[in-house]
């Protein structure tokens, strides 16, 4: 494994531990919507959304660099 992969693995493990240690119920308000949910669930959703955005951004960069 390369150094960036080790760093990504370490950050992923750190994020999972952080999510598991924050299990209280919180209230999230966005504009006119209010939701009560366990903090671990909200953190997991944000983590997954961030991961998907990162993958999509990396795919876009890869497509731009690839010769046609």
Protein backbone atom coordinates (compact mmCIF):
# COMPACT_ATOMS: atom_id res chain seq x y z
CA UNK A 1 0.00 0.00 0.00
CA UNK A 2 1.16 3.50 -0.77
CA UNK A 3 1.47 6.30 1.77
CA UNK A 4 -1.76 8.05 0.66
CA UNK A 5 -3.64 4.77 1.06
CA UNK A 6 -2.25 4.31 4.59
CA UNK A 7 -3.25 7.87 5.46
CA UNK A 8 -6.76 7.31 4.05
CA UNK A 9 -7.08 4.07 6.02
CA UNK A 10 -5.95 5.78 9.23
CA UNK A 11 -8.37 8.67 8.75
CA UNK A 12 -11.20 6.24 8.01
CA UNK A 13 -10.51 4.28 11.20
CA UNK A 14 -10.32 7.54 13.16
CA UNK A 15 -13.65 8.68 11.70
CA UNK A 16 -15.34 5.37 12.55
CA UNK A 17 -14.06 5.48 16.15
CA UNK A 18 -15.22 9.11 16.45
CA UNK A 19 -18.66 8.17 15.13
CA UNK A 20 -19.01 5.22 17.52
CA UNK A 21 -18.07 7.33 20.55
CA UNK A 22 -20.74 9.99 19.86
CA UNK A 23 -24.06 8.24 20.39
CA UNK A 24 -26.21 10.92 21.98
CA UNK A 25 -29.39 12.17 20.30
CA UNK A 26 -29.11 15.59 18.69
CA UNK A 27 -31.42 17.94 16.87
CA UNK A 28 -30.35 19.16 13.43
CA UNK A 29 -32.03 22.18 11.87
CA UNK A 30 -31.55 23.08 8.22
CA UNK A 31 -33.73 25.89 6.88
CA UNK A 32 -37.28 24.87 7.84
CA UNK A 33 -36.57 21.18 8.49
CA UNK A 34 -35.78 19.88 11.97
CA UNK A 35 -34.65 16.30 12.59
CA UNK A 36 -33.76 14.45 15.80
CA UNK A 37 -31.38 11.57 15.32
CA UNK A 38 -28.49 9.84 17.05
CA UNK A 39 -25.28 11.79 16.50
CA UNK A 40 -23.49 8.66 15.25
CA UNK A 41 -26.01 8.35 12.41
CA UNK A 42 -25.61 11.96 11.34
CA UNK A 43 -21.83 11.68 11.49
CA UNK A 44 -21.94 8.47 9.45
CA UNK A 45 -24.13 10.11 6.79
CA UNK A 46 -21.80 13.12 6.58
CA UNK A 47 -18.78 10.80 6.36
CA UNK A 48 -20.35 8.78 3.54
CA UNK A 49 -21.42 11.90 1.64
CA UNK A 50 -17.88 13.28 1.95
CA UNK A 51 -16.42 10.01 0.74
CA UNK A 52 -18.74 9.93 -2.29
CA UNK A 53 -17.89 13.54 -3.16
CA UNK A 54 -14.18 12.71 -2.90
CA UNK A 55 -14.54 9.68 -5.17
CA UNK A 56 -16.50 11.68 -7.74
CA UNK A 57 -13.98 14.52 -7.65
CA UNK A 58 -11.10 12.07 -8.12
CA UNK A 59 -12.87 10.45 -11.08
CA UNK A 60 -13.29 13.86 -12.69
CA UNK A 61 -9.58 14.61 -12.30
CA UNK A 62 -8.67 11.20 -13.70
CA UNK A 63 -10.84 11.73 -16.77
CA UNK A 64 -9.27 15.14 -17.44
CA UNK A 65 -5.72 13.74 -17.30
CA UNK A 66 -6.35 10.67 -19.42
CA UNK A 67 -5.33 11.04 -23.08
CA UNK A 68 -8.18 10.81 -25.59
